[in-house]
Amino acid sequence: MKIEEIYQRLITDTVNIHNIEECALVSNLAVVDVFEKISLLFAIRFHQGIETYENADDGMNRVWSLMIDYTLKNKIETVELCHSIYLAFDEGEYCRHGNSFDPVETYTKPKIAEILKAILRNC
């Protein structure tokens, strides 16, 4: 299974840790690198308007859950980029204190743009 296939299946909630490990093996990557690449795909495609907020948020919730289980089981650090992207999408899930503005526009989009700019600066 390749990264693109994992990405697509995450939207429909049909991925497990064995799929991620298989992807890592066939892609010659560490499992944590697969989590990072998939998270980055959600961020980039959402930022470009290719992916909906709902799909990206759902997918990142699934990535986060899989990554937390994997890192706890293997006693390793969480993937910082994955965590940042997860939090950016999480910010768009609800309005704060009765505010009438769109939390995706107000919080998620700027945070995703900031994350992607930081990655480009470090390339």
N, C-alpha and C. Protein backbone atom coordinates (compact mmCIF):
# COMPACT_ATOMS: atom_id res chain seq x y z
N MET A 1 0.84 -1.17 0.00
CA MET A 1 0.00 0.00 0.00
C MET A 1 0.89 1.24 0.00
N LYS A 2 0.56 2.22 -0.85
CA LYS A 2 1.36 3.43 -0.98
C LYS A 2 0.72 4.58 -0.22
N ILE A 3 1.48 5.65 -0.05
CA ILE A 3 1.02 6.79 0.72
C ILE A 3 -0.29 7.36 0.18
N GLU A 4 -0.41 7.50 -1.13
CA GLU A 4 -1.64 8.04 -1.70
C GLU A 4 -2.85 7.16 -1.37
N GLU A 5 -2.66 5.86 -1.42
CA GLU A 5 -3.75 4.94 -1.09
C GLU A 5 -4.13 5.06 0.39
N ILE A 6 -3.13 5.16 1.26
CA ILE A 6 -3.41 5.36 2.69
C ILE A 6 -4.19 6.66 2.88
N TYR A 7 -3.73 7.70 2.23
CA TYR A 7 -4.39 9.01 2.31
C TYR A 7 -5.87 8.89 1.95
N GLN A 8 -6.16 8.27 0.81
CA GLN A 8 -7.54 8.13 0.35
C GLN A 8 -8.36 7.28 1.31
N ARG A 9 -7.78 6.23 1.80
CA ARG A 9 -8.51 5.34 2.71
C ARG A 9 -8.74 5.98 4.08
N LEU A 10 -7.88 6.89 4.49
CA LEU A 10 -8.08 7.57 5.77
C LEU A 10 -9.36 8.40 5.77
N ILE A 11 -9.74 8.88 4.61
CA ILE A 11 -10.96 9.67 4.50
C ILE A 11 -12.19 8.81 4.77
N THR A 12 -12.10 7.53 4.44
CA THR A 12 -13.23 6.62 4.63
C THR A 12 -13.09 5.74 5.88
N ASP A 13 -12.02 5.97 6.67
CA ASP A 13 -11.83 5.27 7.93
C ASP A 13 -11.60 3.77 7.77
N THR A 14 -10.79 3.40 6.80
CA THR A 14 -10.51 1.99 6.61
C THR A 14 -9.01 1.67 6.71
N VAL A 15 -8.30 2.40 7.56
CA VAL A 15 -6.86 2.21 7.71
C VAL A 15 -6.57 1.75 9.14
N ASN A 16 -5.64 0.81 9.25
CA ASN A 16 -5.17 0.39 10.57
C ASN A 16 -3.64 0.50 10.59
N ILE A 17 -3.06 0.26 11.73
CA ILE A 17 -1.62 0.42 11.87
C ILE A 17 -0.85 -0.54 10.97
N HIS A 18 -1.42 -1.69 10.69
CA HIS A 18 -0.73 -2.64 9.80
C HIS A 18 -0.63 -2.07 8.39
N ASN A 19 -1.64 -1.32 7.95
CA ASN A 19 -1.58 -0.66 6.65
C ASN A 19 -0.46 0.38 6.62
N ILE A 20 -0.33 1.13 7.70
CA ILE A 20 0.72 2.15 7.81
C ILE A 20 2.10 1.49 7.79
N GLU A 21 2.24 0.40 8.54
CA GLU A 21 3.52 -0.31 8.57
C GLU A 21 3.87 -0.90 7.21
N GLU A 22 2.87 -1.42 6.52
CA GLU A 22 3.09 -1.95 5.17
C GLU A 22 3.53 -0.83 4.23
N CYS A 23 2.88 0.31 4.33
CA CYS A 23 3.24 1.46 3.51
C CYS A 23 4.69 1.88 3.78
N ALA A 24 5.07 1.91 5.04
CA ALA A 24 6.44 2.27 5.40
C ALA A 24 7.43 1.30 4.77
N LEU A 25 7.11 0.02 4.83
CA LEU A 25 7.99 -0.99 4.29
C LEU A 25 8.16 -0.84 2.77
N VAL A 26 7.05 -0.73 2.05
CA VAL A 26 7.15 -0.64 0.58
C VAL A 26 7.71 0.71 0.12
N SER A 27 7.59 1.73 0.97
CA SER A 27 8.11 3.06 0.62
C SER A 27 9.52 3.29 1.15
N ASN A 28 10.06 2.29 1.86
CA ASN A 28 11.38 2.39 2.46
C ASN A 28 11.48 3.60 3.40
N LEU A 29 10.46 3.75 4.23
CA LEU A 29 10.38 4.84 5.19
C LEU A 29 10.16 4.29 6.60
N ALA A 30 10.47 5.09 7.58
CA ALA A 30 10.08 4.76 8.95
C ALA A 30 8.58 5.02 9.08
N VAL A 31 7.93 4.31 9.97
CA VAL A 31 6.49 4.49 10.17
C VAL A 31 6.17 5.94 10.52
N VAL A 32 6.97 6.57 11.36
CA VAL A 32 6.72 7.97 11.72
C VAL A 32 6.82 8.90 10.52
N ASP A 33 7.66 8.55 9.55
CA ASP A 33 7.76 9.35 8.33
C ASP A 33 6.49 9.23 7.48
N VAL A 34 5.87 8.07 7.51
CA VAL A 34 4.60 7.90 6.80
C VAL A 34 3.54 8.79 7.43
N PHE A 35 3.48 8.82 8.76
CA PHE A 35 2.53 9.70 9.43
C PHE A 35 2.77 11.16 9.02
N GLU A 36 4.03 11.55 8.97
CA GLU A 36 4.37 12.92 8.60
C GLU A 36 3.96 13.24 7.17
N LYS A 37 4.26 12.35 6.25
CA LYS A 37 3.94 12.59 4.84
C LYS A 37 2.42 12.65 4.61
N ILE A 38 1.69 11.79 5.26
CA ILE A 38 0.24 11.80 5.10
C ILE A 38 -0.35 13.08 5.70
N SER A 39 0.14 13.48 6.86
CA SER A 39 -0.32 14.72 7.48
C SER A 39 -0.04 15.91 6.56
N LEU A 40 1.12 15.92 5.99
CA LEU A 40 1.50 17.00 5.08
C LEU A 40 0.59 17.02 3.84
N LEU A 41 0.24 15.85 3.34
CA LEU A 41 -0.69 15.78 2.20
C LEU A 41 -2.04 16.40 2.55
N PHE A 42 -2.56 16.09 3.73
CA PHE A 42 -3.83 16.70 4.15
C PHE A 42 -3.70 18.22 4.21
N ALA A 43 -2.61 18.71 4.78
CA ALA A 43 -2.41 20.16 4.91
C ALA A 43 -2.28 20.83 3.54
N ILE A 44 -1.46 20.27 2.68
CA ILE A 44 -1.23 20.86 1.36
C ILE A 44 -2.51 20.86 0.53
N ARG A 45 -3.18 19.74 0.48
CA ARG A 45 -4.38 19.64 -0.34
C ARG A 45 -5.52 20.51 0.19
N PHE A 46 -5.62 20.63 1.50
CA PHE A 46 -6.62 21.54 2.06
C PHE A 46 -6.25 22.98 1.71
N HIS A 47 -4.99 23.33 1.89
CA HIS A 47 -4.52 24.69 1.60
C HIS A 47 -4.75 25.06 0.14
N GLN A 48 -4.58 24.12 -0.74
CA GLN A 48 -4.77 24.36 -2.18
C GLN A 48 -6.24 24.31 -2.60
N GLY A 49 -7.11 23.95 -1.68
CA GLY A 49 -8.53 23.87 -2.01
C GLY A 49 -8.92 22.56 -2.69
N ILE A 50 -8.03 21.60 -2.70
CA ILE A 50 -8.28 20.30 -3.31
C ILE A 50 -9.10 19.41 -2.38
N GLU A 51 -8.85 19.55 -1.08
CA GLU A 51 -9.53 18.72 -0.09
C GLU A 51 -10.45 19.58 0.77
N THR A 52 -11.60 19.04 1.12
CA THR A 52 -12.52 19.77 2.00
C THR A 52 -11.99 19.77 3.42
N TYR A 53 -12.46 20.74 4.19
CA TYR A 53 -12.10 20.78 5.60
C TYR A 53 -12.57 19.51 6.30
N GLU A 54 -13.78 19.09 6.02
CA GLU A 54 -14.36 17.93 6.69
C GLU A 54 -13.51 16.68 6.45
N ASN A 55 -13.12 16.44 5.19
CA ASN A 55 -12.30 15.27 4.89
C ASN A 55 -10.92 15.37 5.54
N ALA A 56 -10.32 16.55 5.47
CA ALA A 56 -8.99 16.73 6.05
C ALA A 56 -9.04 16.59 7.58
N ASP A 57 -10.05 17.16 8.20
CA ASP A 57 -10.20 17.05 9.65
C ASP A 57 -10.44 15.61 10.07
N ASP A 58 -11.35 14.93 9.39
CA ASP A 58 -11.61 13.52 9.70
C ASP A 58 -10.35 12.68 9.49
N GLY A 59 -9.68 12.90 8.38
CA GLY A 59 -8.46 12.14 8.09
C GLY A 59 -7.38 12.38 9.13
N MET A 60 -7.20 13.65 9.54
CA MET A 60 -6.19 13.95 10.54
C MET A 60 -6.56 13.41 11.91
N ASN A 61 -7.85 13.36 12.23
CA ASN A 61 -8.26 12.72 13.48
C ASN A 61 -7.87 11.25 13.48
N ARG A 62 -8.00 10.59 12.35
CA ARG A 62 -7.63 9.18 12.25
C ARG A 62 -6.12 9.01 12.29
N VAL A 63 -5.38 9.89 11.58
CA VAL A 63 -3.91 9.84 11.61
C VAL A 63 -3.43 10.01 13.05
N TRP A 64 -3.98 11.00 13.72
CA TRP A 64 -3.58 11.29 15.09
C TRP A 64 -3.80 10.08 16.00
N SER A 65 -4.96 9.48 15.90
CA SER A 65 -5.28 8.31 16.72
C SER A 65 -4.30 7.17 16.46
N LEU A 66 -4.04 6.88 15.19
CA LEU A 66 -3.10 5.82 14.83
C LEU A 66 -1.69 6.14 15.32
N MET A 67 -1.28 7.41 15.14
CA MET A 67 0.07 7.80 15.54
C MET A 67 0.24 7.72 17.06
N ILE A 68 -0.76 8.18 17.81
CA ILE A 68 -0.66 8.12 19.27
C ILE A 68 -0.53 6.67 19.73
N ASP A 69 -1.37 5.80 19.20
CA ASP A 69 -1.29 4.38 19.56
C ASP A 69 0.10 3.82 19.24
N TYR A 70 0.60 4.14 18.05
CA TYR A 70 1.90 3.62 17.61
C TYR A 70 3.04 4.14 18.49
N THR A 71 3.04 5.45 18.75
CA THR A 71 4.15 6.03 19.52
C THR A 71 4.12 5.57 20.97
N LEU A 72 2.94 5.43 21.55
CA LEU A 72 2.87 4.93 22.93
C LEU A 72 3.33 3.48 23.02
N LYS A 73 2.87 2.68 22.07
CA LYS A 73 3.24 1.26 22.05
C LYS A 73 4.75 1.08 21.89
N ASN A 74 5.35 1.95 21.07
CA ASN A 74 6.78 1.82 20.77
C ASN A 74 7.66 2.75 21.61
N LYS A 75 7.02 3.49 22.52
CA LYS A 75 7.74 4.38 23.44
C LYS A 75 8.65 5.36 22.71
N ILE A 76 8.07 6.02 21.70
CA ILE A 76 8.81 7.02 20.94
C ILE A 76 8.02 8.34 20.95
N GLU A 77 8.68 9.40 20.57
CA GLU A 77 8.07 10.73 20.53
C GLU A 77 7.00 10.80 19.43
N THR A 78 5.99 11.63 19.67
CA THR A 78 5.02 11.88 18.61
C THR A 78 5.68 12.69 17.51
N VAL A 79 5.11 12.65 16.34
CA VAL A 79 5.64 13.38 15.19
C VAL A 79 5.15 14.82 15.29
N GLU A 80 6.07 15.75 15.47
CA GLU A 80 5.72 17.14 15.72
C GLU A 80 4.90 17.75 14.58
N LEU A 81 5.28 17.50 13.35
CA LEU A 81 4.52 18.06 12.23
C LEU A 81 3.10 17.52 12.21
N CYS A 82 2.95 16.25 12.45
CA CYS A 82 1.62 15.63 12.53
C CYS A 82 0.80 16.29 13.64
N HIS A 83 1.42 16.51 14.77
CA HIS A 83 0.74 17.13 15.90
C HIS A 83 0.29 18.55 15.54
N SER A 84 1.16 19.33 14.93
CA SER A 84 0.82 20.70 14.55
C SER A 84 -0.33 20.76 13.55
N ILE A 85 -0.30 19.88 12.58
CA ILE A 85 -1.36 19.85 11.57
C ILE A 85 -2.66 19.38 12.20
N TYR A 86 -2.59 18.37 13.04
CA TYR A 86 -3.78 17.90 13.75
C TYR A 86 -4.41 19.04 14.55
N LEU A 87 -3.60 19.77 15.30
CA LEU A 87 -4.12 20.87 16.10
C LEU A 87 -4.73 21.98 15.24
N ALA A 88 -4.12 22.25 14.09
CA ALA A 88 -4.66 23.28 13.19
C ALA A 88 -6.07 22.90 12.72
N PHE A 89 -6.25 21.65 12.35
CA PHE A 89 -7.59 21.21 11.94
C PHE A 89 -8.54 21.16 13.13
N ASP A 90 -8.05 20.78 14.26
CA ASP A 90 -8.86 20.74 15.47
C ASP A 90 -9.43 22.12 15.82
N GLU A 91 -8.66 23.17 15.57
CA GLU A 91 -9.09 24.54 15.84
C GLU A 91 -10.36 24.91 15.07
N GLY A 92 -10.58 24.29 13.94
CA GLY A 92 -11.74 24.61 13.12
C GLY A 92 -13.01 23.87 13.48
N GLU A 93 -12.96 23.03 14.49
CA GLU A 93 -14.10 22.18 14.81
C GLU A 93 -15.23 22.87 15.56
N TYR A 94 -14.97 23.99 16.18
CA TYR A 94 -16.04 24.63 16.96
C TYR A 94 -15.80 26.12 17.11
N CYS A 95 -16.89 26.87 17.30
CA CYS A 95 -16.83 28.31 17.59
C CYS A 95 -16.57 28.49 19.08
N ARG A 96 -15.87 29.53 19.41
CA ARG A 96 -15.55 29.81 20.80
C ARG A 96 -16.47 30.87 21.39
N HIS A 97 -16.99 30.59 22.54
CA HIS A 97 -17.73 31.56 23.35
C HIS A 97 -18.77 32.34 22.57
N GLY A 98 -19.53 31.67 21.74
CA GLY A 98 -20.63 32.32 21.04
C GLY A 98 -20.23 33.20 19.88
N ASN A 99 -18.97 33.17 19.47
CA ASN A 99 -18.55 33.97 18.31
C ASN A 99 -19.27 33.48 17.07
N SER A 100 -19.60 34.40 16.19
CA SER A 100 -20.37 34.03 15.00
C SER A 100 -19.49 33.81 13.77
N PHE A 101 -18.18 33.95 13.90
CA PHE A 101 -17.32 33.78 12.73
C PHE A 101 -16.98 32.31 12.50
N ASP A 102 -16.51 32.02 11.30
CA ASP A 102 -16.18 30.66 10.89
C ASP A 102 -14.82 30.26 11.47
N PRO A 103 -14.77 29.26 12.33
CA PRO A 103 -13.49 28.88 12.95
C PRO A 103 -12.48 28.30 11.94
N VAL A 104 -12.97 27.72 10.86
CA VAL A 104 -12.04 27.20 9.85
C VAL A 104 -11.31 28.37 9.19
N GLU A 105 -12.06 29.40 8.82
CA GLU A 105 -11.44 30.58 8.19
C GLU A 105 -10.56 31.33 9.18
N THR A 106 -11.01 31.42 10.41
CA THR A 106 -10.32 32.22 11.42
C THR A 106 -9.09 31.54 12.00
N TYR A 107 -9.16 30.23 12.21
CA TYR A 107 -8.09 29.51 12.89
C TYR A 107 -7.34 28.52 12.00
N THR A 108 -8.09 27.63 11.35
CA THR A 108 -7.44 26.52 10.63
C THR A 108 -6.65 27.01 9.42
N LYS A 109 -7.29 27.76 8.55
CA LYS A 109 -6.58 28.18 7.32
C LYS A 109 -5.30 28.96 7.61
N PRO A 110 -5.33 29.95 8.52
CA PRO A 110 -4.07 30.65 8.80
C PRO A 110 -3.00 29.76 9.42
N LYS A 111 -3.40 28.83 10.28
CA LYS A 111 -2.41 27.96 10.91
C LYS A 111 -1.79 26.99 9.91
N ILE A 112 -2.62 26.45 9.02
CA ILE A 112 -2.08 25.57 7.97
C ILE A 112 -1.12 26.34 7.08
N ALA A 113 -1.51 27.55 6.69
CA ALA A 113 -0.63 28.39 5.85
C ALA A 113 0.69 28.66 6.57
N GLU A 114 0.63 28.93 7.85
CA GLU A 114 1.84 29.19 8.64
C GLU A 114 2.74 27.95 8.71
N ILE A 115 2.15 26.80 8.91
CA ILE A 115 2.92 25.54 8.95
C ILE A 115 3.62 25.30 7.62
N LEU A 116 2.89 25.47 6.52
CA LEU A 116 3.47 25.23 5.20
C LEU A 116 4.57 26.24 4.87
N LYS A 117 4.38 27.51 5.26
CA LYS A 117 5.43 28.51 5.04
C LYS A 117 6.69 28.17 5.82
N ALA A 118 6.53 27.71 7.05
CA ALA A 118 7.68 27.34 7.87
C ALA A 118 8.44 26.17 7.23
N ILE A 119 7.72 25.23 6.67
CA ILE A 119 8.38 24.10 6.00
C ILE A 119 9.17 24.59 4.79
N LEU A 120 8.58 25.47 4.02
CA LEU A 120 9.27 26.02 2.84
C LEU A 120 10.51 26.82 3.24
N ARG A 121 10.43 27.56 4.33
CA ARG A 121 11.60 28.33 4.80
C ARG A 121 12.75 27.41 5.19
N ASN A 122 12.41 26.23 5.68
CA ASN A 122 13.44 25.31 6.14
C ASN A 122 13.96 24.37 5.06
N CYS A 123 13.45 24.50 3.86
CA CYS A 123 13.92 23.63 2.77
C CYS A 123 15.22 24.13 2.18
